[in-house]
Amino acid sequence: MILEAIPHPAAQVNDAIGPHALTLSYSACNGSDQKSKLQLQECIYLSDCQQMADTLHDLQNSYATLLISIRDLQSQRLYQ
């Protein structure tokens, strides 16, 4: 089994919500004086998406590490 590098899913978040939402949330997250309710909601939404993307990436890395450990244990077992 060959394990490939797992790409960080944060780029997918940008694709999913589009540039308009990114522009709104950028001003809301960076202390703009004209924060609207929509901007604040977009900021929270983007933050949640980024957190979920980071969590997913961590889980993918843990899974890949687990697969490597299982492979190593299986190969050790073959040599014994």
PDB file of N, CA and C in Angstrom:
ATOM      1  N   MET A   1       0.850  -1.191   0.000  1.00  0.00           N
ATOM      2  CA  MET A   1       0.000   0.000   0.000  1.00  0.00           C
ATOM      3  C   MET A   1       0.886   1.242   0.000  1.00  0.00           C
ATOM      4  N   ILE A   2       0.589   2.161  -0.864  1.00  0.00           N
ATOM      5  CA  ILE A   2       1.339   3.413  -0.943  1.00  0.00           C
ATOM      6  C   ILE A   2       0.463   4.531  -0.391  1.00  0.00           C
ATOM      7  N   LEU A   3       1.002   5.256   0.595  1.00  0.00           N
ATOM      8  CA  LEU A   3       0.256   6.375   1.178  1.00  0.00           C
ATOM      9  C   LEU A   3       0.707   7.669   0.511  1.00  0.00           C
ATOM     10  N   GLU A   4      -0.246   8.442   0.033  1.00  0.00           N
ATOM     11  CA  GLU A   4       0.065   9.711  -0.604  1.00  0.00           C
ATOM     12  C   GLU A   4      -0.086  10.845   0.409  1.00  0.00           C
ATOM     13  N   ALA A   5       0.587  11.941   0.133  1.00  0.00           N
ATOM     14  CA  ALA A   5       0.441  13.118   0.986  1.00  0.00           C
ATOM     15  C   ALA A   5      -1.008  13.603   0.909  1.00  0.00           C
ATOM     16  N   ILE A   6      -1.555  13.969   2.051  1.00  0.00           N
ATOM     17  CA  ILE A   6      -2.951  14.409   2.105  1.00  0.00           C
ATOM     18  C   ILE A   6      -2.978  15.939   2.069  1.00  0.00           C
ATOM     19  N   PRO A   7      -3.626  16.538   1.066  1.00  0.00           N
ATOM     20  CA  PRO A   7      -3.659  18.001   0.973  1.00  0.00           C
ATOM     21  C   PRO A   7      -4.530  18.609   2.074  1.00  0.00           C
ATOM     22  N   HIS A   8      -4.147  19.799   2.486  1.00  0.00           N
ATOM     23  CA  HIS A   8      -4.928  20.501   3.506  1.00  0.00           C
ATOM     24  C   HIS A   8      -6.247  20.953   2.889  1.00  0.00           C
ATOM     25  N   PRO A   9      -7.389  20.670   3.547  1.00  0.00           N
ATOM     26  CA  PRO A   9      -8.694  20.973   2.950  1.00  0.00           C
ATOM     27  C   PRO A   9      -9.118  22.437   3.031  1.00  0.00           C
ATOM     28  N   ALA A  10      -8.293  23.307   3.584  1.00  0.00           N
ATOM     29  CA  ALA A  10      -8.690  24.712   3.708  1.00  0.00           C
ATOM     30  C   ALA A  10      -8.961  25.340   2.340  1.00  0.00           C
ATOM     31  N   ALA A  11      -8.225  24.920   1.324  1.00  0.00           N
ATOM     32  CA  ALA A  11      -8.455  25.461  -0.023  1.00  0.00           C
ATOM     33  C   ALA A  11      -9.848  25.113  -0.513  1.00  0.00           C
ATOM     34  N   GLN A  12     -10.357  23.957  -0.122  1.00  0.00           N
ATOM     35  CA  GLN A  12     -11.703  23.553  -0.517  1.00  0.00           C
ATOM     36  C   GLN A  12     -12.755  24.449   0.124  1.00  0.00           C
ATOM     37  N   VAL A  13     -12.471  24.939   1.317  1.00  0.00           N
ATOM     38  CA  VAL A  13     -13.400  25.848   1.997  1.00  0.00           C
ATOM     39  C   VAL A  13     -13.566  27.108   1.155  1.00  0.00           C
ATOM     40  N   ASN A  14     -12.472  27.661   0.644  1.00  0.00           N
ATOM     41  CA  ASN A  14     -12.536  28.860  -0.192  1.00  0.00           C
ATOM     42  C   ASN A  14     -13.389  28.612  -1.431  1.00  0.00           C
ATOM     43  N   ASP A  15     -13.224  27.461  -2.044  1.00  0.00           N
ATOM     44  CA  ASP A  15     -13.996  27.133  -3.241  1.00  0.00           C
ATOM     45  C   ASP A  15     -15.481  26.999  -2.923  1.00  0.00           C
ATOM     46  N   ALA A  16     -15.794  26.431  -1.762  1.00  0.00           N
ATOM     47  CA  ALA A  16     -17.183  26.146  -1.410  1.00  0.00           C
ATOM     48  C   ALA A  16     -17.995  27.405  -1.112  1.00  0.00           C
ATOM     49  N   ILE A  17     -17.378  28.410  -0.466  1.00  0.00           N
ATOM     50  CA  ILE A  17     -18.168  29.567  -0.056  1.00  0.00           C
ATOM     51  C   ILE A  17     -18.026  30.760  -0.987  1.00  0.00           C
ATOM     52  N   GLY A  18     -17.024  30.751  -1.833  1.00  0.00           N
ATOM     53  CA  GLY A  18     -16.883  31.792  -2.847  1.00  0.00           C
ATOM     54  C   GLY A  18     -16.200  33.054  -2.352  1.00  0.00           C
ATOM     55  N   PRO A  19     -15.729  33.880  -3.281  1.00  0.00           N
ATOM     56  CA  PRO A  19     -14.956  35.075  -2.933  1.00  0.00           C
ATOM     57  C   PRO A  19     -15.786  36.165  -2.253  1.00  0.00           C
ATOM     58  N   HIS A  20     -17.093  36.225  -2.540  1.00  0.00           N
ATOM     59  CA  HIS A  20     -17.928  37.262  -1.929  1.00  0.00           C
ATOM     60  C   HIS A  20     -17.962  37.088  -0.414  1.00  0.00           C
ATOM     61  N   ALA A  21     -18.168  35.860   0.038  1.00  0.00           N
ATOM     62  CA  ALA A  21     -18.204  35.585   1.476  1.00  0.00           C
ATOM     63  C   ALA A  21     -16.846  35.855   2.105  1.00  0.00           C
ATOM     64  N   LEU A  22     -15.778  35.538   1.369  1.00  0.00           N
ATOM     65  CA  LEU A  22     -14.438  35.783   1.908  1.00  0.00           C
ATOM     66  C   LEU A  22     -14.196  37.271   2.116  1.00  0.00           C
ATOM     67  N   THR A  23     -14.665  38.106   1.178  1.00  0.00           N
ATOM     68  CA  THR A  23     -14.495  39.556   1.299  1.00  0.00           C
ATOM     69  C   THR A  23     -15.262  40.089   2.505  1.00  0.00           C
ATOM     70  N   LEU A  24     -16.504  39.648   2.670  1.00  0.00           N
ATOM     71  CA  LEU A  24     -17.311  40.092   3.809  1.00  0.00           C
ATOM     72  C   LEU A  24     -16.668  39.680   5.124  1.00  0.00           C
ATOM     73  N   SER A  25     -16.247  38.436   5.195  1.00  0.00           N
ATOM     74  CA  SER A  25     -15.721  37.955   6.464  1.00  0.00           C
ATOM     75  C   SER A  25     -14.367  38.578   6.770  1.00  0.00           C
ATOM     76  N   TYR A  26     -13.595  38.915   5.741  1.00  0.00           N
ATOM     77  CA  TYR A  26     -12.296  39.536   5.981  1.00  0.00           C
ATOM     78  C   TYR A  26     -12.464  40.862   6.715  1.00  0.00           C
ATOM     79  N   SER A  27     -13.404  41.695   6.263  1.00  0.00           N
ATOM     80  CA  SER A  27     -13.612  42.989   6.925  1.00  0.00           C
ATOM     81  C   SER A  27     -14.197  42.795   8.315  1.00  0.00           C
ATOM     82  N   ALA A  28     -15.073  41.817   8.482  1.00  0.00           N
ATOM     83  CA  ALA A  28     -15.680  41.590   9.795  1.00  0.00           C
ATOM     84  C   ALA A  28     -14.667  41.032  10.793  1.00  0.00           C
ATOM     85  N   CYS A  29     -13.790  40.156  10.322  1.00  0.00           N
ATOM     86  CA  CYS A  29     -12.832  39.529  11.226  1.00  0.00           C
ATOM     87  C   CYS A  29     -11.678  40.451  11.580  1.00  0.00           C
ATOM     88  N   ASN A  30     -11.500  41.509  10.817  1.00  0.00           N
ATOM     89  CA  ASN A  30     -10.354  42.380  11.042  1.00  0.00           C
ATOM     90  C   ASN A  30     -10.732  43.722  11.655  1.00  0.00           C
ATOM     91  N   GLY A  31     -11.829  43.766  12.394  1.00  0.00           N
ATOM     92  CA  GLY A  31     -12.171  44.937  13.183  1.00  0.00           C
ATOM     93  C   GLY A  31     -12.660  46.142  12.402  1.00  0.00           C
ATOM     94  N   SER A  32     -13.324  45.934  11.286  1.00  0.00           N
ATOM     95  CA  SER A  32     -13.882  47.042  10.516  1.00  0.00           C
ATOM     96  C   SER A  32     -14.933  47.765  11.364  1.00  0.00           C
ATOM     97  N   ASP A  33     -15.002  49.087  11.238  1.00  0.00           N
ATOM     98  CA  ASP A  33     -15.979  49.865  12.008  1.00  0.00           C
ATOM     99  C   ASP A  33     -17.401  49.623  11.521  1.00  0.00           C
ATOM    100  N   GLN A  34     -17.576  49.197  10.287  1.00  0.00           N
ATOM    101  CA  GLN A  34     -18.907  49.031   9.710  1.00  0.00           C
ATOM    102  C   GLN A  34     -19.294  47.548   9.655  1.00  0.00           C
ATOM    103  N   LYS A  35     -19.258  46.894  10.800  1.00  0.00           N
ATOM    104  CA  LYS A  35     -19.634  45.472  10.841  1.00  0.00           C
ATOM    105  C   LYS A  35     -21.151  45.338  10.794  1.00  0.00           C
ATOM    106  N   SER A  36     -21.627  44.643   9.807  1.00  0.00           N
ATOM    107  CA  SER A  36     -23.059  44.358   9.761  1.00  0.00           C
ATOM    108  C   SER A  36     -23.294  42.980  10.350  1.00  0.00           C
ATOM    109  N   LYS A  37     -24.545  42.687  10.614  1.00  0.00           N
ATOM    110  CA  LYS A  37     -24.902  41.378  11.146  1.00  0.00           C
ATOM    111  C   LYS A  37     -24.463  40.274  10.175  1.00  0.00           C
ATOM    112  N   LEU A  38     -24.660  40.519   8.887  1.00  0.00           N
ATOM    113  CA  LEU A  38     -24.272  39.552   7.868  1.00  0.00           C
ATOM    114  C   LEU A  38     -22.758  39.303   7.899  1.00  0.00           C
ATOM    115  N   GLN A  39     -21.981  40.371   7.989  1.00  0.00           N
ATOM    116  CA  GLN A  39     -20.531  40.226   8.016  1.00  0.00           C
ATOM    117  C   GLN A  39     -20.096  39.410   9.225  1.00  0.00           C
ATOM    118  N   LEU A  40     -20.703  39.685  10.363  1.00  0.00           N
ATOM    119  CA  LEU A  40     -20.340  38.957  11.573  1.00  0.00           C
ATOM    120  C   LEU A  40     -20.700  37.482  11.442  1.00  0.00           C
ATOM    121  N   GLN A  41     -21.861  37.198  10.850  1.00  0.00           N
ATOM    122  CA  GLN A  41     -22.258  35.803  10.637  1.00  0.00           C
ATOM    123  C   GLN A  41     -21.293  35.116   9.680  1.00  0.00           C
ATOM    124  N   GLU A  42     -20.887  35.817   8.630  1.00  0.00           N
ATOM    125  CA  GLU A  42     -19.942  35.243   7.676  1.00  0.00           C
ATOM    126  C   GLU A  42     -18.601  34.972   8.354  1.00  0.00           C
ATOM    127  N   CYS A  43     -18.195  35.874   9.237  1.00  0.00           N
ATOM    128  CA  CYS A  43     -16.945  35.704   9.953  1.00  0.00           C
ATOM    129  C   CYS A  43     -16.993  34.437  10.802  1.00  0.00           C
ATOM    130  N   ILE A  44     -18.092  34.257  11.519  1.00  0.00           N
ATOM    131  CA  ILE A  44     -18.257  33.071  12.364  1.00  0.00           C
ATOM    132  C   ILE A  44     -18.313  31.815  11.499  1.00  0.00           C
ATOM    133  N   TYR A  45     -19.029  31.900  10.384  1.00  0.00           N
ATOM    134  CA  TYR A  45     -19.148  30.768   9.470  1.00  0.00           C
ATOM    135  C   TYR A  45     -17.771  30.358   8.936  1.00  0.00           C
ATOM    136  N   LEU A  46     -17.000  31.342   8.497  1.00  0.00           N
ATOM    137  CA  LEU A  46     -15.672  31.049   7.961  1.00  0.00           C
ATOM    138  C   LEU A  46     -14.775  30.446   9.031  1.00  0.00           C
ATOM    139  N   SER A  47     -14.859  30.983  10.234  1.00  0.00           N
ATOM    140  CA  SER A  47     -14.055  30.467  11.338  1.00  0.00           C
ATOM    141  C   SER A  47     -14.416  29.010  11.618  1.00  0.00           C
ATOM    142  N   ASP A  48     -15.710  28.706  11.638  1.00  0.00           N
ATOM    143  CA  ASP A  48     -16.161  27.334  11.854  1.00  0.00           C
ATOM    144  C   ASP A  48     -15.676  26.418  10.740  1.00  0.00           C
ATOM    145  N   CYS A  49     -15.760  26.898   9.498  1.00  0.00           N
ATOM    146  CA  CYS A  49     -15.301  26.098   8.356  1.00  0.00           C
ATOM    147  C   CYS A  49     -13.813  25.822   8.460  1.00  0.00           C
ATOM    148  N   GLN A  50     -13.056  26.831   8.825  1.00  0.00           N
ATOM    149  CA  GLN A  50     -11.604  26.651   8.940  1.00  0.00           C
ATOM    150  C   GLN A  50     -11.285  25.660  10.058  1.00  0.00           C
ATOM    151  N   GLN A  51     -12.010  25.771  11.167  1.00  0.00           N
ATOM    152  CA  GLN A  51     -11.790  24.857  12.283  1.00  0.00           C
ATOM    153  C   GLN A  51     -12.140  23.419  11.876  1.00  0.00           C
ATOM    154  N   MET A  52     -13.241  23.248  11.149  1.00  0.00           N
ATOM    155  CA  MET A  52     -13.607  21.912  10.682  1.00  0.00           C
ATOM    156  C   MET A  52     -12.582  21.379   9.694  1.00  0.00           C
ATOM    157  N   ALA A  53     -12.085  22.249   8.826  1.00  0.00           N
ATOM    158  CA  ALA A  53     -11.068  21.829   7.855  1.00  0.00           C
ATOM    159  C   ALA A  53      -9.793  21.395   8.576  1.00  0.00           C
ATOM    160  N   ASP A  54      -9.396  22.147   9.595  1.00  0.00           N
ATOM    161  CA  ASP A  54      -8.207  21.785  10.374  1.00  0.00           C
ATOM    162  C   ASP A  54      -8.409  20.459  11.095  1.00  0.00           C
ATOM    163  N   THR A  55      -9.601  20.269  11.669  1.00  0.00           N
ATOM    164  CA  THR A  55      -9.906  19.020  12.372  1.00  0.00           C
ATOM    165  C   THR A  55      -9.886  17.842  11.412  1.00  0.00           C
ATOM    166  N   LEU A  56     -10.482  18.034  10.235  1.00  0.00           N
ATOM    167  CA  LEU A  56     -10.482  16.979   9.226  1.00  0.00           C
ATOM    168  C   LEU A  56      -9.054  16.629   8.816  1.00  0.00           C
ATOM    169  N   HIS A  57      -8.234  17.645   8.624  1.00  0.00           N
ATOM    170  CA  HIS A  57      -6.837  17.413   8.242  1.00  0.00           C
ATOM    171  C   HIS A  57      -6.109  16.639   9.342  1.00  0.00           C
ATOM    172  N   ASP A  58      -6.340  17.008  10.604  1.00  0.00           N
ATOM    173  CA  ASP A  58      -5.719  16.288  11.723  1.00  0.00           C
ATOM    174  C   ASP A  58      -6.163  14.830  11.751  1.00  0.00           C
ATOM    175  N   LEU A  59      -7.447  14.594  11.514  1.00  0.00           N
ATOM    176  CA  LEU A  59      -7.963  13.220  11.483  1.00  0.00           C
ATOM    177  C   LEU A  59      -7.352  12.422  10.340  1.00  0.00           C
ATOM    178  N   GLN A  60      -7.197  13.058   9.186  1.00  0.00           N
ATOM    179  CA  GLN A  60      -6.592  12.378   8.047  1.00  0.00           C
ATOM    180  C   GLN A  60      -5.140  12.010   8.354  1.00  0.00           C
ATOM    181  N   ASN A  61      -4.426  12.915   9.002  1.00  0.00           N
ATOM    182  CA  ASN A  61      -3.035  12.631   9.373  1.00  0.00           C
ATOM    183  C   ASN A  61      -2.965  11.502  10.385  1.00  0.00           C
ATOM    184  N   SER A  62      -3.871  11.494  11.354  1.00  0.00           N
ATOM    185  CA  SER A  62      -3.906  10.427  12.359  1.00  0.00           C
ATOM    186  C   SER A  62      -4.203   9.088  11.709  1.00  0.00           C
ATOM    187  N   TYR A  63      -5.122   9.091  10.763  1.00  0.00           N
ATOM    188  CA  TYR A  63      -5.476   7.862  10.054  1.00  0.00           C
ATOM    189  C   TYR A  63      -4.280   7.351   9.247  1.00  0.00           C
ATOM    190  N   ALA A  64      -3.587   8.256   8.573  1.00  0.00           N
ATOM    191  CA  ALA A  64      -2.407   7.865   7.791  1.00  0.00           C
ATOM    192  C   ALA A  64      -1.333   7.287   8.708  1.00  0.00           C
ATOM    193  N   THR A  65      -1.135   7.909   9.868  1.00  0.00           N
ATOM    194  CA  THR A  65      -0.157   7.406  10.841  1.00  0.00           C
ATOM    195  C   THR A  65      -0.556   6.024  11.340  1.00  0.00           C
ATOM    196  N   LEU A  66      -1.832   5.832  11.592  1.00  0.00           N
ATOM    197  CA  LEU A  66      -2.332   4.532  12.032  1.00  0.00           C
ATOM    198  C   LEU A  66      -2.072   3.463  10.975  1.00  0.00           C
ATOM    199  N   LEU A  67      -2.332   3.793   9.711  1.00  0.00           N
ATOM    200  CA  LEU A  67      -2.088   2.835   8.629  1.00  0.00           C
ATOM    201  C   LEU A  67      -0.609   2.467   8.532  1.00  0.00           C
ATOM    202  N   ILE A  68       0.248   3.451   8.706  1.00  0.00           N
ATOM    203  CA  ILE A  68       1.691   3.187   8.676  1.00  0.00           C
ATOM    204  C   ILE A  68       2.084   2.276   9.833  1.00  0.00           C
ATOM    205  N   SER A  69       1.531   2.530  11.016  1.00  0.00           N
ATOM    206  CA  SER A  69       1.830   1.696  12.182  1.00  0.00           C
ATOM    207  C   SER A  69       1.368   0.260  11.964  1.00  0.00           C
ATOM    208  N   ILE A  70       0.186   0.101  11.404  1.00  0.00           N
ATOM    209  CA  ILE A  70      -0.334  -1.250  11.128  1.00  0.00           C
ATOM    210  C   ILE A  70       0.568  -1.950  10.117  1.00  0.00           C
ATOM    211  N   ARG A  71       0.965  -1.239   9.086  1.00  0.00           N
ATOM    212  CA  ARG A  71       1.853  -1.821   8.068  1.00  0.00           C
ATOM    213  C   ARG A  71       3.179  -2.245   8.699  1.00  0.00           C
ATOM    214  N   ASP A  72       3.729  -1.392   9.582  1.00  0.00           N
ATOM    215  CA  ASP A  72       4.988  -1.722  10.247  1.00  0.00           C
ATOM    216  C   ASP A  72       4.844  -2.960  11.128  1.00  0.00           C
ATOM    217  N   LEU A  73       3.729  -3.035  11.859  1.00  0.00           N
ATOM    218  CA  LEU A  73       3.495  -4.203  12.714  1.00  0.00           C
ATOM    219  C   LEU A  73       3.348  -5.475  11.885  1.00  0.00           C
ATOM    220  N   GLN A  74       2.663  -5.368  10.761  1.00  0.00           N
ATOM    221  CA  GLN A  74       2.495  -6.529   9.893  1.00  0.00           C
ATOM    222  C   GLN A  74       3.832  -6.989   9.318  1.00  0.00           C
ATOM    223  N   SER A  75       4.680  -6.041   8.954  1.00  0.00           N
ATOM    224  CA  SER A  75       5.976  -6.423   8.389  1.00  0.00           C
ATOM    225  C   SER A  75       6.871  -7.033   9.464  1.00  0.00           C
ATOM    226  N   GLN A  76       6.795  -6.545  10.693  1.00  0.00           N
ATOM    227  CA  GLN A  76       7.564  -7.135  11.797  1.00  0.00           C
ATOM    228  C   GLN A  76       7.103  -8.557  12.057  1.00  0.00           C
ATOM    229  N   ARG A  77       5.813  -8.758  11.961  1.00  0.00           N
ATOM    230  CA  ARG A  77       5.245 -10.081  12.190  1.00  0.00           C
ATOM    231  C   ARG A  77       5.719 -11.086  11.140  1.00  0.00           C
ATOM    232  N   LEU A  78       5.887 -10.609   9.926  1.00  0.00           N
ATOM    233  CA  LEU A  78       6.356 -11.480   8.851  1.00  0.00           C
ATOM    234  C   LEU A  78       7.800 -11.926   9.073  1.00  0.00           C
ATOM    235  N   TYR A  79       8.597 -11.061   9.692  1.00  0.00           N
ATOM    236  CA  TYR A  79      10.012 -11.381   9.897  1.00  0.00           C
ATOM    237  C   TYR A  79      10.264 -12.237  11.129  1.00  0.00           C
ATOM    238  N   GLN A  80       9.272 -12.396  11.969  1.00  0.00           N
ATOM    239  CA  GLN A  80       9.471 -13.183  13.194  1.00  0.00           C
ATOM    240  C   GLN A  80       9.211 -14.651  12.975  1.00  0.00           C
TER     241      GLN A  80
END
